[in-house]
Amino acid sequence: MTSPFAAIANATITFQIPAGGTATTDDVGNVVVATAPLEVVVYLKKLNLQSASRIRPLPGLDDKSTYYEGYAVSPMQLPPEVKTGAKAPATLGRESGFFLLNEVNADFGSSGIGAILEATTGTKIAGWFMF
């Protein structure tokens, strides 16, 4: 199925997800789970000031950070390894920065009616774009 937002996709976010359960050790002997990049094409819309007023800024965000919400376009459904709090490199239009994921399918979740909506429109995401 093709995303209804494919024609207006405007951003790419590259999340790091676990790679097949393999683990290595770093230079000081700490166990580190190996990861692989997952590039996700998304449609993001900046929230207007009235809608954004319900969103609390997080520590570490600068005053250039802007809150966006939208949908995953390709792949349409994000794997469960992509969780709230993930910070990933992102490109929005011609701007590069990072996306801090604040919500995943916040309205209805990923089961029941939420699963039907996610299969039709894609995973709904929201978060901060930091330049």
Protein backbone atom coordinates (compact mmCIF):
# COMPACT_ATOMS: atom_id res chain seq x y z
CA MET A 1 0.00 0.00 0.00
CA THR A 2 1.19 3.52 -0.78
CA SER A 3 1.06 6.21 1.86
CA PRO A 4 -1.55 8.94 1.36
CA PHE A 5 1.24 11.37 2.28
CA ALA A 6 3.76 10.15 -0.32
CA ALA A 7 3.30 13.16 -2.61
CA ILE A 8 4.00 15.64 0.20
CA ALA A 9 6.76 13.82 2.12
CA ASN A 10 9.24 16.46 3.20
CA ALA A 11 11.75 14.88 5.58
CA THR A 12 14.04 11.93 6.20
CA ILE A 13 14.94 10.60 9.65
CA THR A 14 17.63 7.95 10.17
CA PHE A 15 16.99 5.93 13.32
CA GLN A 16 19.45 3.41 14.74
CA ILE A 17 17.79 0.08 15.56
CA PRO A 18 19.26 -3.12 17.02
CA ALA A 19 20.89 -5.32 14.39
CA GLY A 20 19.83 -8.91 14.88
CA GLY A 21 20.61 -9.13 18.58
CA THR A 22 24.38 -9.07 18.11
CA ALA A 23 26.52 -7.38 20.72
CA THR A 24 30.13 -6.23 20.83
CA THR A 25 32.33 -4.61 23.43
CA ASP A 26 33.66 -1.09 23.22
CA ASP A 27 37.22 0.04 23.96
CA VAL A 28 36.72 -0.11 27.72
CA GLY A 29 34.89 -3.45 27.82
CA ASN A 30 31.28 -2.28 27.96
CA VAL A 31 28.77 -4.45 26.11
CA VAL A 32 27.27 -2.50 23.21
CA VAL A 33 24.37 -3.76 21.09
CA ALA A 34 25.18 -3.51 17.39
CA THR A 35 22.83 -1.23 15.48
CA ALA A 36 21.83 -0.66 11.89
CA PRO A 37 20.44 2.51 10.33
CA LEU A 38 16.76 2.66 9.39
CA GLU A 39 16.06 5.53 7.00
CA VAL A 40 12.44 6.67 7.20
CA VAL A 41 10.83 9.12 4.78
CA VAL A 42 8.17 11.14 6.60
CA TYR A 43 5.66 13.92 6.17
CA LEU A 44 5.99 16.48 8.97
CA LYS A 45 3.84 19.52 9.69
CA LYS A 46 4.87 22.28 12.07
CA LEU A 47 2.32 22.81 14.80
CA ASN A 48 0.84 26.28 15.12
CA LEU A 49 1.51 28.19 18.33
CA GLN A 50 -1.92 27.42 19.81
CA SER A 51 -1.52 23.64 19.29
CA ALA A 52 2.12 23.67 20.34
CA SER A 53 1.31 25.39 23.64
CA ARG A 54 0.21 22.01 25.04
CA ILE A 55 3.69 20.59 24.37
CA ARG A 56 6.19 21.08 27.16
CA PRO A 57 9.74 21.86 26.07
CA LEU A 58 12.29 19.24 27.10
CA PRO A 59 15.58 19.98 28.86
CA GLY A 60 18.40 20.55 26.39
CA LEU A 61 16.25 22.01 23.61
CA ASP A 62 17.30 25.38 22.32
CA ASP A 63 14.95 28.16 21.26
CA LYS A 64 15.35 27.18 17.58
CA SER A 65 13.80 23.74 18.23
CA THR A 66 10.40 23.37 16.60
CA TYR A 67 7.67 20.82 17.28
CA TYR A 68 6.36 18.81 14.32
CA GLU A 69 3.88 16.02 13.86
CA GLY A 70 3.21 13.82 10.88
CA TYR A 71 3.33 10.32 9.44
CA ALA A 72 5.85 7.76 8.30
CA VAL A 73 5.68 7.40 4.50
CA SER A 74 8.36 4.83 3.67
CA PRO A 75 8.28 2.47 5.46
CA MET A 76 4.74 3.32 6.51
CA GLN A 77 4.94 1.39 9.78
CA LEU A 78 7.87 1.88 12.13
CA PRO A 79 9.25 -1.19 13.88
CA PRO A 80 8.70 -1.44 17.65
CA GLU A 81 12.42 -0.76 18.18
CA VAL A 82 11.79 2.90 17.30
CA LYS A 83 10.69 4.30 20.63
CA THR A 84 9.77 7.59 22.22
CA GLY A 85 12.94 9.46 23.20
CA ALA A 86 14.94 8.34 20.16
CA LYS A 87 17.18 11.09 18.80
CA ALA A 88 18.11 10.68 15.15
CA PRO A 89 19.78 12.68 12.38
CA ALA A 90 17.15 14.27 10.16
CA THR A 91 16.77 16.37 7.05
CA LEU A 92 13.68 18.55 6.75
CA GLY A 93 13.48 20.29 3.40
CA ARG A 94 16.95 21.79 2.99
CA GLU A 95 17.68 21.91 6.72
CA SER A 96 19.74 19.29 8.52
CA GLY A 97 19.60 18.59 12.21
CA PHE A 98 18.19 16.05 14.64
CA PHE A 99 14.69 14.80 15.39
CA LEU A 100 13.80 13.95 18.98
CA LEU A 101 10.86 11.57 18.89
CA ASN A 102 8.28 12.57 21.49
CA GLU A 103 5.19 10.55 20.49
CA VAL A 104 4.47 7.39 18.46
CA ASN A 105 0.80 6.70 17.62
CA ALA A 106 -0.22 8.82 20.60
CA ASP A 107 -3.91 9.11 19.73
CA PHE A 108 -4.94 5.44 19.45
CA GLY A 109 -1.84 3.31 20.07
CA SER A 110 -0.75 0.46 17.79
CA SER A 111 -3.49 -2.07 18.49
CA GLY A 112 -7.21 -2.22 17.76
CA ILE A 113 -8.38 0.86 15.85
CA GLY A 114 -4.83 2.23 16.12
CA ALA A 115 -3.50 -0.71 14.09
CA ILE A 116 -6.10 -0.11 11.37
CA LEU A 117 -5.24 3.59 11.21
CA GLU A 118 -1.50 2.86 11.19
CA ALA A 119 -1.90 0.39 8.30
CA THR A 120 -3.86 2.98 6.30
CA THR A 121 -2.04 6.25 7.07
CA GLY A 122 1.31 5.11 8.49
CA THR A 123 2.78 5.46 11.94
CA LYS A 124 1.91 8.84 13.44
CA ILE A 125 4.91 10.56 14.97
CA ALA A 126 5.57 13.84 16.74
CA GLY A 127 8.67 15.43 18.14
CA TRP A 128 11.23 18.20 18.13
CA PHE A 129 13.35 19.14 15.12
CA MET A 130 16.61 20.65 16.33
CA PHE A 131 18.87 22.57 13.94
